[in-house]
Amino acid sequence: MRIATVEYEGGPRCGVVVDDVLHPLPAGQTLLALLRRGEDALREEGERAVREASPIPLAGLRLLPPLRPPTVRDFVAFEEHVEGVARAVTGDTEVVAEWYEAPTFYFTNPYALVGAYDDVAVPPGCRVLDFELEVAAVVGREGGDLSPERARSHIAGYTVFNDWSARDLQSREMRVNLGPAKGKDFATTLGPWFVTADELEPHRDGEGFLRLAMTVEVNGEEVGRDLLSNMGWPFEDLVAYASRGTLVRPGDVLGSGTCGNGGCLAELWGRTGVRSPRPLEPGDTVTMTVEGIGTIRNTIVEGRDPVPIPPARKRPRERP
């Protein structure tokens, strides 16, 4: 089942996508609310909508993010991506040993989500804008200290995830040994819709990974291609790690991290030592397609100038 959220008659409307039409759920119903009621409720409401609701053509409707998640974690689960970006940022030629020990993530901004075909503004002060091709898992059941085996049943579905990055802002702030922050929290694309986990099970390989083709194009030219199954950990390991010592709850979104082989520009820059292709500029269109899920496409537009904030003053070292 595929669940989309669209802008319809002045507000958001959630529904089931079948071919090129939306079978709407009752007004006010959201994917997050259904996930909180349980996957049985999601399936039953979706099947009822397909049987009974009058279909709405998707053509011409604005696709919103499929849900408004309470939290968004983004992992870094592709070794090839880490290797390339490390070369670009620090000049290191090897992945640090700590990467292999546990699946690292950061929290990004759930208020900065954009839809599958929305424009994306250059963030204030950014001159080196990049995309990042990922897939995200969406949690369907609450759980804490999960084992990977148990965690699989806590994944309700998946969506395409573009973790936009302001590389110059990110580079500055991470030299303080904290972050990323403003290098990341201006935009994250989710879409085009949420695909329930059962739809992707036929793509699972013998090691438990989802073997899905992933591609990214800039202005119609392919710059990256990889397989989701090249992750260092499957999604259930990521969910289990996220739940360690805490809870994951319905609607939580967990990004895979950027795929390799051109999943972002910074990886390519690190491998070649040349900033080519160039950073994204207003007018550029980034198109991402993930097998079994769908396609998202965003065009870059001019952003706002940064509101000035003065540098820190040198503090005296007086004590009371």
C-alpha atoms as a PDB file:
ATOM      1  CA  MET A   1       0.000   0.000   0.000  1.00  0.00           C
ATOM      2  CA  ARG A   2       1.150   3.533  -0.800  1.00  0.00           C
ATOM      3  CA  ILE A   3      -0.014   6.465   1.300  1.00  0.00           C
ATOM      4  CA  ALA A   4       0.394  10.046   0.090  1.00  0.00           C
ATOM      5  CA  THR A   5      -0.442  13.413   1.592  1.00  0.00           C
ATOM      6  CA  VAL A   6      -1.511  16.108  -0.862  1.00  0.00           C
ATOM      7  CA  GLU A   7      -2.696  19.683  -0.788  1.00  0.00           C
ATOM      8  CA  TYR A   8      -6.406  19.514  -1.604  1.00  0.00           C
ATOM      9  CA  GLU A   9      -9.168  22.093  -1.218  1.00  0.00           C
ATOM     10  CA  GLY A  10      -7.010  24.374   0.899  1.00  0.00           C
ATOM     11  CA  GLY A  11      -5.494  21.840   3.255  1.00  0.00           C
ATOM     12  CA  PRO A  12      -3.632  18.537   3.580  1.00  0.00           C
ATOM     13  CA  ARG A  13      -5.446  15.345   2.620  1.00  0.00           C
ATOM     14  CA  CYS A  14      -4.119  11.832   3.108  1.00  0.00           C
ATOM     15  CA  GLY A  15      -5.033   8.919   0.895  1.00  0.00           C
ATOM     16  CA  VAL A  16      -4.069   5.679  -0.804  1.00  0.00           C
ATOM     17  CA  VAL A  17      -2.296   5.901  -4.153  1.00  0.00           C
ATOM     18  CA  VAL A  18      -3.363   3.395  -6.802  1.00  0.00           C
ATOM     19  CA  ASP A  19      -1.928   3.972 -10.261  1.00  0.00           C
ATOM     20  CA  ASP A  20      -2.480   7.688 -10.974  1.00  0.00           C
ATOM     21  CA  VAL A  21      -5.260   8.447  -8.510  1.00  0.00           C
ATOM     22  CA  LEU A  22      -5.640   9.132  -4.794  1.00  0.00           C
ATOM     23  CA  HIS A  23      -8.349   7.369  -2.799  1.00  0.00           C
ATOM     24  CA  PRO A  24      -8.767   9.889   0.025  1.00  0.00           C
ATOM     25  CA  LEU A  25      -9.095   8.994   3.673  1.00  0.00           C
ATOM     26  CA  PRO A  26     -11.617  10.957   5.752  1.00  0.00           C
ATOM     27  CA  ALA A  27     -10.785  14.660   6.063  1.00  0.00           C
ATOM     28  CA  GLY A  28      -8.441  15.298   8.983  1.00  0.00           C
ATOM     29  CA  GLN A  29      -6.989  11.793   8.968  1.00  0.00           C
ATOM     30  CA  THR A  30      -3.168  11.675   8.830  1.00  0.00           C
ATOM     31  CA  LEU A  31      -0.606   8.967   8.302  1.00  0.00           C
ATOM     32  CA  LEU A  32       0.952   9.736  11.685  1.00  0.00           C
ATOM     33  CA  ALA A  33      -2.400   9.312  13.440  1.00  0.00           C
ATOM     34  CA  LEU A  34      -2.971   5.990  11.692  1.00  0.00           C
ATOM     35  CA  LEU A  35       0.494   4.718  12.610  1.00  0.00           C
ATOM     36  CA  ARG A  36      -0.222   5.589  16.235  1.00  0.00           C
ATOM     37  CA  ARG A  37      -3.429   3.540  16.058  1.00  0.00           C
ATOM     38  CA  GLY A  38      -1.499   0.554  14.733  1.00  0.00           C
ATOM     39  CA  GLU A  39      -0.685  -1.066  11.423  1.00  0.00           C
ATOM     40  CA  ASP A  40      -3.987  -2.962  11.401  1.00  0.00           C
ATOM     41  CA  ALA A  41      -5.840   0.341  11.504  1.00  0.00           C
ATOM     42  CA  LEU A  42      -3.651   1.676   8.702  1.00  0.00           C
ATOM     43  CA  ARG A  43      -4.426  -1.306   6.508  1.00  0.00           C
ATOM     44  CA  GLU A  44      -8.151  -1.336   7.301  1.00  0.00           C
ATOM     45  CA  GLU A  45      -8.615   2.400   6.712  1.00  0.00           C
ATOM     46  CA  GLY A  46      -6.609   2.199   3.514  1.00  0.00           C
ATOM     47  CA  GLU A  47      -8.592  -0.713   2.143  1.00  0.00           C
ATOM     48  CA  ARG A  48     -11.851   1.052   3.024  1.00  0.00           C
ATOM     49  CA  ALA A  49     -10.717   4.168   1.160  1.00  0.00           C
ATOM     50  CA  VAL A  50      -9.901   2.142  -1.958  1.00  0.00           C
ATOM     51  CA  ARG A  51     -13.324   0.454  -1.832  1.00  0.00           C
ATOM     52  CA  GLU A  52     -15.498   3.429  -0.952  1.00  0.00           C
ATOM     53  CA  ALA A  53     -13.839   6.809  -1.552  1.00  0.00           C
ATOM     54  CA  SER A  54     -14.232   8.666  -4.822  1.00  0.00           C
ATOM     55  CA  PRO A  55     -10.786   8.757  -6.472  1.00  0.00           C
ATOM     56  CA  ILE A  56      -9.001  12.057  -7.112  1.00  0.00           C
ATOM     57  CA  PRO A  57      -6.526  12.323 -10.028  1.00  0.00           C
ATOM     58  CA  LEU A  58      -3.005  12.935  -8.716  1.00  0.00           C
ATOM     59  CA  ALA A  59      -2.093  15.065 -11.721  1.00  0.00           C
ATOM     60  CA  GLY A  60      -1.943  18.702 -10.692  1.00  0.00           C
ATOM     61  CA  LEU A  61      -1.999  18.026  -6.934  1.00  0.00           C
ATOM     62  CA  ARG A  62       0.902  19.190  -4.776  1.00  0.00           C
ATOM     63  CA  LEU A  63       2.501  16.276  -2.945  1.00  0.00           C
ATOM     64  CA  LEU A  64       3.330  17.172   0.661  1.00  0.00           C
ATOM     65  CA  PRO A  65       5.684  15.119   2.844  1.00  0.00           C
ATOM     66  CA  PRO A  66       3.761  11.881   3.520  1.00  0.00           C
ATOM     67  CA  LEU A  67       3.861  12.512   7.265  1.00  0.00           C
ATOM     68  CA  ARG A  68       5.013  15.016   9.856  1.00  0.00           C
ATOM     69  CA  PRO A  69       7.361  12.897  11.972  1.00  0.00           C
ATOM     70  CA  PRO A  70       8.005  13.698  15.632  1.00  0.00           C
ATOM     71  CA  THR A  71      11.730  12.960  15.134  1.00  0.00           C
ATOM     72  CA  VAL A  72      14.086  12.547  12.198  1.00  0.00           C
ATOM     73  CA  ARG A  73      17.350  10.651  12.654  1.00  0.00           C
ATOM     74  CA  ASP A  74      19.808  10.366   9.806  1.00  0.00           C
ATOM     75  CA  PHE A  75      22.432   7.630   9.810  1.00  0.00           C
ATOM     76  CA  VAL A  76      25.633   7.281   7.821  1.00  0.00           C
ATOM     77  CA  ALA A  77      25.386   3.632   6.784  1.00  0.00           C
ATOM     78  CA  PHE A  78      27.229   3.517   3.438  1.00  0.00           C
ATOM     79  CA  GLU A  79      30.967   2.897   3.689  1.00  0.00           C
ATOM     80  CA  GLU A  80      31.643   4.206   0.175  1.00  0.00           C
ATOM     81  CA  HIS A  81      30.011   7.538   0.987  1.00  0.00           C
ATOM     82  CA  VAL A  82      32.027   7.923   4.195  1.00  0.00           C
ATOM     83  CA  GLU A  83      35.235   7.148   2.341  1.00  0.00           C
ATOM     84  CA  GLY A  84      34.636   9.737  -0.379  1.00  0.00           C
ATOM     85  CA  VAL A  85      33.425  12.510   1.899  1.00  0.00           C
ATOM     86  CA  ALA A  86      36.329  11.954   4.321  1.00  0.00           C
ATOM     87  CA  ARG A  87      38.723  12.617   1.471  1.00  0.00           C
ATOM     88  CA  ALA A  88      36.864  15.800   0.572  1.00  0.00           C
ATOM     89  CA  VAL A  89      36.744  17.159   4.135  1.00  0.00           C
ATOM     90  CA  THR A  90      39.909  15.933   5.880  1.00  0.00           C
ATOM     91  CA  GLY A  91      42.044  14.322   3.197  1.00  0.00           C
ATOM     92  CA  ASP A  92      41.818  10.938   4.959  1.00  0.00           C
ATOM     93  CA  THR A  93      42.011   7.943   2.618  1.00  0.00           C
ATOM     94  CA  GLU A  94      40.497   5.403   5.006  1.00  0.00           C
ATOM     95  CA  VAL A  95      37.244   5.167   6.913  1.00  0.00           C
ATOM     96  CA  VAL A  96      37.830   5.666  10.639  1.00  0.00           C
ATOM     97  CA  ALA A  97      37.662   2.479  12.704  1.00  0.00           C
ATOM     98  CA  GLU A  98      34.857   3.882  14.850  1.00  0.00           C
ATOM     99  CA  TRP A  99      32.480   3.896  11.864  1.00  0.00           C
ATOM    100  CA  TYR A 100      32.477   0.085  11.814  1.00  0.00           C
ATOM    101  CA  GLU A 101      31.674  -0.244  15.526  1.00  0.00           C
ATOM    102  CA  ALA A 102      28.132   1.165  15.525  1.00  0.00           C
ATOM    103  CA  PRO A 103      25.710   2.899  13.132  1.00  0.00           C
ATOM    104  CA  THR A 104      26.158   6.618  13.857  1.00  0.00           C
ATOM    105  CA  PHE A 105      23.340   9.136  13.363  1.00  0.00           C
ATOM    106  CA  TYR A 106      22.399  12.747  14.029  1.00  0.00           C
ATOM    107  CA  PHE A 107      19.009  14.366  14.634  1.00  0.00           C
ATOM    108  CA  THR A 108      17.804  16.710  11.917  1.00  0.00           C
ATOM    109  CA  ASN A 109      14.950  19.207  11.778  1.00  0.00           C
ATOM    110  CA  PRO A 110      11.376  17.800  11.506  1.00  0.00           C
ATOM    111  CA  TYR A 111      10.078  21.335  10.842  1.00  0.00           C
ATOM    112  CA  ALA A 112      12.097  21.714   7.618  1.00  0.00           C
ATOM    113  CA  LEU A 113      10.499  18.957   5.540  1.00  0.00           C
ATOM    114  CA  VAL A 114       9.571  19.656   1.917  1.00  0.00           C
ATOM    115  CA  GLY A 115       7.425  17.736  -0.532  1.00  0.00           C
ATOM    116  CA  ALA A 116       8.470  15.581  -3.438  1.00  0.00           C
ATOM    117  CA  TYR A 117       8.250  18.334  -6.067  1.00  0.00           C
ATOM    118  CA  ASP A 118       8.605  21.498  -3.960  1.00  0.00           C
ATOM    119  CA  ASP A 119      11.242  24.125  -4.672  1.00  0.00           C
ATOM    120  CA  VAL A 120      14.198  24.224  -2.267  1.00  0.00           C
ATOM    121  CA  ALA A 121      15.704  27.605  -1.361  1.00  0.00           C
ATOM    122  CA  VAL A 122      19.440  28.038  -0.954  1.00  0.00           C
ATOM    123  CA  PRO A 123      19.935  28.434   2.831  1.00  0.00           C
ATOM    124  CA  PRO A 124      21.151  31.831   4.079  1.00  0.00           C
ATOM    125  CA  GLY A 125      24.884  32.237   3.635  1.00  0.00           C
ATOM    126  CA  CYS A 126      25.407  29.023   1.649  1.00  0.00           C
ATOM    127  CA  ARG A 127      27.593  28.924  -1.459  1.00  0.00           C
ATOM    128  CA  VAL A 128      28.244  25.164  -1.656  1.00  0.00           C
ATOM    129  CA  LEU A 129      24.881  23.378  -1.853  1.00  0.00           C
ATOM    130  CA  ASP A 130      24.671  19.587  -2.208  1.00  0.00           C
ATOM    131  CA  PHE A 131      22.053  16.822  -2.340  1.00  0.00           C
ATOM    132  CA  GLU A 132      22.170  13.430  -0.586  1.00  0.00           C
ATOM    133  CA  LEU A 133      20.317  10.391  -1.974  1.00  0.00           C
ATOM    134  CA  GLU A 134      18.849   8.197   0.766  1.00  0.00           C
ATOM    135  CA  VAL A 135      15.950   5.969   1.779  1.00  0.00           C
ATOM    136  CA  ALA A 136      14.186   6.380   5.122  1.00  0.00           C
ATOM    137  CA  ALA A 137      12.417   3.819   7.264  1.00  0.00           C
ATOM    138  CA  VAL A 138       9.313   4.912   9.184  1.00  0.00           C
ATOM    139  CA  VAL A 139       8.637   3.397  12.599  1.00  0.00           C
ATOM    140  CA  GLY A 140       5.182   1.899  13.126  1.00  0.00           C
ATOM    141  CA  ARG A 141       5.332   0.578  16.700  1.00  0.00           C
ATOM    142  CA  GLU A 142       6.829   1.850  19.949  1.00  0.00           C
ATOM    143  CA  GLY A 143       9.784  -0.048  21.339  1.00  0.00           C
ATOM    144  CA  GLY A 144      12.897   0.329  23.437  1.00  0.00           C
ATOM    145  CA  ASP A 145      16.177  -1.606  23.607  1.00  0.00           C
ATOM    146  CA  LEU A 146      15.073  -3.650  20.617  1.00  0.00           C
ATOM    147  CA  SER A 147      17.065  -6.476  19.124  1.00  0.00           C
ATOM    148  CA  PRO A 148      17.525  -6.321  15.340  1.00  0.00           C
ATOM    149  CA  GLU A 149      15.216  -9.330  15.032  1.00  0.00           C
ATOM    150  CA  ARG A 150      12.423  -7.562  16.904  1.00  0.00           C
ATOM    151  CA  ALA A 151      13.131  -4.223  15.226  1.00  0.00           C
ATOM    152  CA  ARG A 152      12.124  -5.456  11.778  1.00  0.00           C
ATOM    153  CA  SER A 153       8.487  -5.743  12.868  1.00  0.00           C
ATOM    154  CA  HIS A 154       8.646  -2.129  14.120  1.00  0.00           C
ATOM    155  CA  ILE A 155       9.273  -0.764  10.612  1.00  0.00           C
ATOM    156  CA  ALA A 156       5.973   0.240   9.019  1.00  0.00           C
ATOM    157  CA  GLY A 157       7.309   1.405   5.673  1.00  0.00           C
ATOM    158  CA  TYR A 158       9.744   3.461   3.643  1.00  0.00           C
ATOM    159  CA  THR A 159      10.084   6.682   1.643  1.00  0.00           C
ATOM    160  CA  VAL A 160      12.732   8.475  -0.420  1.00  0.00           C
ATOM    161  CA  PHE A 161      14.835  10.916   1.624  1.00  0.00           C
ATOM    162  CA  ASN A 162      16.991  13.798   0.320  1.00  0.00           C
ATOM    163  CA  ASP A 163      19.211  15.170   3.079  1.00  0.00           C
ATOM    164  CA  TRP A 164      20.127  18.533   1.521  1.00  0.00           C
ATOM    165  CA  SER A 165      23.496  19.846   2.707  1.00  0.00           C
ATOM    166  CA  ALA A 166      25.140  23.264   2.830  1.00  0.00           C
ATOM    167  CA  ARG A 167      28.689  21.971   2.694  1.00  0.00           C
ATOM    168  CA  ASP A 168      30.433  25.256   3.519  1.00  0.00           C
ATOM    169  CA  LEU A 169      28.243  25.889   6.572  1.00  0.00           C
ATOM    170  CA  GLN A 170      28.596  22.259   7.653  1.00  0.00           C
ATOM    171  CA  SER A 171      32.384  22.342   7.332  1.00  0.00           C
ATOM    172  CA  ARG A 172      32.693  25.450   9.516  1.00  0.00           C
ATOM    173  CA  GLU A 173      30.422  24.309  12.307  1.00  0.00           C
ATOM    174  CA  MET A 174      31.838  20.769  12.514  1.00  0.00           C
ATOM    175  CA  ARG A 175      35.309  22.167  13.205  1.00  0.00           C
ATOM    176  CA  VAL A 176      33.855  23.035  16.614  1.00  0.00           C
ATOM    177  CA  ASN A 177      33.380  19.253  17.116  1.00  0.00           C
ATOM    178  CA  LEU A 178      29.619  19.581  17.229  1.00  0.00           C
ATOM    179  CA  GLY A 179      27.028  19.327  14.512  1.00  0.00           C
ATOM    180  CA  PRO A 180      25.937  19.250  11.800  1.00  0.00           C
ATOM    181  CA  ALA A 181      23.457  22.022  12.478  1.00  0.00           C
ATOM    182  CA  LYS A 182      22.733  24.867  10.034  1.00  0.00           C
ATOM    183  CA  GLY A 183      24.535  22.894   7.366  1.00  0.00           C
ATOM    184  CA  LYS A 184      21.604  20.484   7.410  1.00  0.00           C
ATOM    185  CA  ASP A 185      18.401  21.771   8.990  1.00  0.00           C
ATOM    186  CA  PHE A 186      17.064  24.004   6.206  1.00  0.00           C
ATOM    187  CA  ALA A 187      15.435  21.321   4.026  1.00  0.00           C
ATOM    188  CA  THR A 188      14.811  17.572   3.892  1.00  0.00           C
ATOM    189  CA  THR A 189      12.701  16.084   1.121  1.00  0.00           C
ATOM    190  CA  LEU A 190      10.443  13.123   1.934  1.00  0.00           C
ATOM    191  CA  GLY A 191       8.335  11.442  -0.723  1.00  0.00           C
ATOM    192  CA  PRO A 192       6.777  10.929  -3.053  1.00  0.00           C
ATOM    193  CA  TRP A 193       4.753   8.771  -0.655  1.00  0.00           C
ATOM    194  CA  PHE A 194       5.030   6.208   2.124  1.00  0.00           C
ATOM    195  CA  VAL A 195       5.281   2.592   0.935  1.00  0.00           C
ATOM    196  CA  THR A 196       4.316  -0.101   3.431  1.00  0.00           C
ATOM    197  CA  ALA A 197       7.070  -2.544   4.329  1.00  0.00           C
ATOM    198  CA  ASP A 198       5.314  -5.582   2.856  1.00  0.00           C
ATOM    199  CA  GLU A 199       5.548  -4.074  -0.651  1.00  0.00           C
ATOM    200  CA  LEU A 200       9.353  -4.130  -0.508  1.00  0.00           C
ATOM    201  CA  GLU A 201       9.814  -7.581   1.028  1.00  0.00           C
ATOM    202  CA  PRO A 202      10.203  -9.214  -2.437  1.00  0.00           C
ATOM    203  CA  HIS A 203      13.363  -7.098  -2.842  1.00  0.00           C
ATOM    204  CA  ARG A 204      15.064  -8.487   0.280  1.00  0.00           C
ATOM    205  CA  ASP A 205      18.279 -10.370  -0.491  1.00  0.00           C
ATOM    206  CA  GLY A 206      19.795 -13.397   1.242  1.00  0.00           C
ATOM    207  CA  GLU A 207      21.581 -11.234   3.805  1.00  0.00           C
ATOM    208  CA  GLY A 208      18.438  -9.367   4.826  1.00  0.00           C
ATOM    209  CA  PHE A 209      19.119  -6.149   2.901  1.00  0.00           C
ATOM    210  CA  LEU A 210      16.643  -4.454   0.556  1.00  0.00           C
ATOM    211  CA  ARG A 211      18.131  -4.624  -2.938  1.00  0.00           C
ATOM    212  CA  LEU A 212      16.707  -1.452  -4.494  1.00  0.00           C
ATOM    213  CA  ALA A 213      18.280   0.540  -7.326  1.00  0.00           C
ATOM    214  CA  MET A 214      18.882   4.216  -6.460  1.00  0.00           C
ATOM    215  CA  THR A 215      19.686   6.960  -8.977  1.00  0.00           C
ATOM    216  CA  VAL A 216      20.135  10.721  -8.887  1.00  0.00           C
ATOM    217  CA  GLU A 217      20.188  13.189 -11.779  1.00  0.00           C
ATOM    218  CA  VAL A 218      21.026  16.891 -11.940  1.00  0.00           C
ATOM    219  CA  ASN A 219      19.333  18.715 -14.809  1.00  0.00           C
ATOM    220  CA  GLY A 220      18.560  15.382 -16.472  1.00  0.00           C
ATOM    221  CA  GLU A 221      22.131  14.051 -16.318  1.00  0.00           C
ATOM    222  CA  GLU A 222      22.782  11.035 -14.094  1.00  0.00           C
ATOM    223  CA  VAL A 223      25.490  11.683 -11.505  1.00  0.00           C
ATOM    224  CA  GLY A 224      24.922   8.811  -9.055  1.00  0.00           C
ATOM    225  CA  ARG A 225      23.736   5.198  -9.036  1.00  0.00           C
ATOM    226  CA  ASP A 226      23.882   2.615  -6.250  1.00  0.00           C
ATOM    227  CA  LEU A 227      22.025  -0.199  -4.511  1.00  0.00           C
ATOM    228  CA  LEU A 228      20.355   0.243  -1.128  1.00  0.00           C
ATOM    229  CA  SER A 229      21.682  -3.233  -0.257  1.00  0.00           C
ATOM    230  CA  ASN A 230      25.209  -1.746  -0.128  1.00  0.00           C
ATOM    231  CA  MET A 231      24.409  -0.395   3.350  1.00  0.00           C
ATOM    232  CA  GLY A 232      26.740  -1.515   6.107  1.00  0.00           C
ATOM    233  CA  TRP A 233      23.764  -2.404   8.304  1.00  0.00           C
ATOM    234  CA  PRO A 234      20.160  -3.283   7.364  1.00  0.00           C
ATOM    235  CA  PHE A 235      17.409  -0.976   8.600  1.00  0.00           C
ATOM    236  CA  GLU A 236      16.450  -3.200  11.519  1.00  0.00           C
ATOM    237  CA  ASP A 237      19.955  -2.719  12.941  1.00  0.00           C
ATOM    238  CA  LEU A 238      19.527   1.050  12.646  1.00  0.00           C
ATOM    239  CA  VAL A 239      16.159   0.923  14.424  1.00  0.00           C
ATOM    240  CA  ALA A 240      17.596  -1.303  17.151  1.00  0.00           C
ATOM    241  CA  TYR A 241      20.514   1.066  17.722  1.00  0.00           C
ATOM    242  CA  ALA A 242      18.226   4.114  17.757  1.00  0.00           C
ATOM    243  CA  SER A 243      16.104   2.414  20.437  1.00  0.00           C
ATOM    244  CA  ARG A 244      19.058   1.614  22.706  1.00  0.00           C
ATOM    245  CA  GLY A 245      18.463   3.200  26.103  1.00  0.00           C
ATOM    246  CA  THR A 246      15.383   5.058  24.843  1.00  0.00           C
ATOM    247  CA  LEU A 247      12.264   4.604  22.702  1.00  0.00           C
ATOM    248  CA  VAL A 248      11.403   4.751  19.044  1.00  0.00           C
ATOM    249  CA  ARG A 249       7.784   5.668  18.458  1.00  0.00           C
ATOM    250  CA  PRO A 250       5.291   5.605  15.582  1.00  0.00           C
ATOM    251  CA  GLY A 251       6.166   8.122  12.900  1.00  0.00           C
ATOM    252  CA  ASP A 252       9.860   8.389  13.745  1.00  0.00           C
ATOM    253  CA  VAL A 253      11.888   8.635  10.538  1.00  0.00           C
ATOM    254  CA  LEU A 254      15.337   7.020  10.203  1.00  0.00           C
ATOM    255  CA  GLY A 255      17.420   7.863   7.130  1.00  0.00           C
ATOM    256  CA  SER A 256      19.835   5.338   5.679  1.00  0.00           C
ATOM    257  CA  GLY A 257      22.543   7.876   5.094  1.00  0.00           C
ATOM    258  CA  THR A 258      23.771   8.772   1.649  1.00  0.00           C
ATOM    259  CA  CYS A 259      24.455   5.990  -0.816  1.00  0.00           C
ATOM    260  CA  GLY A 260      27.796   5.647  -2.578  1.00  0.00           C
ATOM    261  CA  ASN A 261      28.882   6.048  -6.188  1.00  0.00           C
ATOM    262  CA  GLY A 262      27.709   9.633  -6.543  1.00  0.00           C
ATOM    263  CA  GLY A 263      24.950   9.733  -3.961  1.00  0.00           C
ATOM    264  CA  CYS A 264      26.137  13.269  -3.232  1.00  0.00           C
ATOM    265  CA  LEU A 265      28.493  15.737  -4.873  1.00  0.00           C
ATOM    266  CA  ALA A 266      30.918  15.885  -1.933  1.00  0.00           C
ATOM    267  CA  GLU A 267      31.747  12.208  -2.348  1.00  0.00           C
ATOM    268  CA  LEU A 268      32.635  12.781  -6.010  1.00  0.00           C
ATOM    269  CA  TRP A 269      34.733  15.827  -5.107  1.00  0.00           C
ATOM    270  CA  GLY A 270      36.640  13.767  -2.558  1.00  0.00           C
ATOM    271  CA  ARG A 271      37.400  10.980  -5.006  1.00  0.00           C
ATOM    272  CA  THR A 272      38.591  13.198  -7.860  1.00  0.00           C
ATOM    273  CA  GLY A 273      40.022  16.154  -5.959  1.00  0.00           C
ATOM    274  CA  VAL A 274      38.057  18.439  -8.296  1.00  0.00           C
ATOM    275  CA  ARG A 275      34.806  20.232  -7.469  1.00  0.00           C
ATOM    276  CA  SER A 276      33.028  18.750 -10.479  1.00  0.00           C
ATOM    277  CA  PRO A 277      30.114  18.581 -10.963  1.00  0.00           C
ATOM    278  CA  ARG A 278      29.845  22.084  -9.498  1.00  0.00           C
ATOM    279  CA  PRO A 279      27.760  22.849  -6.379  1.00  0.00           C
ATOM    280  CA  LEU A 280      24.043  23.299  -6.964  1.00  0.00           C
ATOM    281  CA  GLU A 281      22.758  26.703  -8.054  1.00  0.00           C
ATOM    282  CA  PRO A 282      19.331  28.319  -8.457  1.00  0.00           C
ATOM    283  CA  GLY A 283      17.635  26.814 -11.491  1.00  0.00           C
ATOM    284  CA  ASP A 284      19.148  23.343 -11.021  1.00  0.00           C
ATOM    285  CA  THR A 285      16.737  20.423 -10.699  1.00  0.00           C
ATOM    286  CA  VAL A 286      17.646  17.311  -8.692  1.00  0.00           C
ATOM    287  CA  THR A 287      15.738  14.112  -9.466  1.00  0.00           C
ATOM    288  CA  MET A 288      15.994  10.992  -7.311  1.00  0.00           C
ATOM    289  CA  THR A 289      14.427   7.612  -8.041  1.00  0.00           C
ATOM    290  CA  VAL A 290      14.376   4.558  -5.791  1.00  0.00           C
ATOM    291  CA  GLU A 291      13.123   1.250  -7.163  1.00  0.00           C
ATOM    292  CA  GLY A 292       9.877   0.135  -5.533  1.00  0.00           C
ATOM    293  CA  ILE A 293       9.227   3.536  -3.962  1.00  0.00           C
ATOM    294  CA  GLY A 294       9.178   6.306  -6.560  1.00  0.00           C
ATOM    295  CA  THR A 295      10.671   9.591  -7.740  1.00  0.00           C
ATOM    296  CA  ILE A 296      11.180  12.984  -6.110  1.00  0.00           C
ATOM    297  CA  ARG A 297      12.220  16.109  -8.016  1.00  0.00           C
ATOM    298  CA  ASN A 298      13.165  19.473  -6.517  1.00  0.00           C
ATOM    299  CA  THR A 299      14.331  22.694  -8.162  1.00  0.00           C
ATOM    300  CA  ILE A 300      16.751  25.040  -6.412  1.00  0.00           C
ATOM    301  CA  VAL A 301      15.635  28.668  -6.013  1.00  0.00           C
ATOM    302  CA  GLU A 302      17.222  31.796  -4.577  1.00  0.00           C
ATOM    303  CA  GLY A 303      17.255  32.010  -0.803  1.00  0.00           C
ATOM    304  CA  ARG A 304      17.382  34.829   1.724  1.00  0.00           C
ATOM    305  CA  ASP A 305      20.437  36.710   2.934  1.00  0.00           C
ATOM    306  CA  PRO A 306      21.513  35.721   6.460  1.00  0.00           C
ATOM    307  CA  VAL A 307      20.433  37.910   9.358  1.00  0.00           C
ATOM    308  CA  PRO A 308      23.751  39.158  10.834  1.00  0.00           C
ATOM    309  CA  ILE A 309      24.851  37.778  14.180  1.00  0.00           C
ATOM    310  CA  PRO A 310      28.037  39.209  15.722  1.00  0.00           C
ATOM    311  CA  PRO A 311      30.988  36.941  16.505  1.00  0.00           C
ATOM    312  CA  ALA A 312      31.585  35.878  20.093  1.00  0.00           C
ATOM    313  CA  ARG A 313      33.389  38.377  22.282  1.00  0.00           C
ATOM    314  CA  LYS A 314      36.575  37.349  24.003  1.00  0.00           C
ATOM    315  CA  ARG A 315      35.517  36.665  27.550  1.00  0.00           C
ATOM    316  CA  PRO A 316      37.557  37.729  30.555  1.00  0.00           C
ATOM    317  CA  ARG A 317      38.552  34.998  32.963  1.00  0.00           C
ATOM    318  CA  GLU A 318      37.415  36.755  36.121  1.00  0.00           C
ATOM    319  CA  ARG A 319      35.840  34.645  38.871  1.00  0.00           C
ATOM    320  CA  PRO A 320      33.647  35.600  41.811  1.00  0.00           C
END
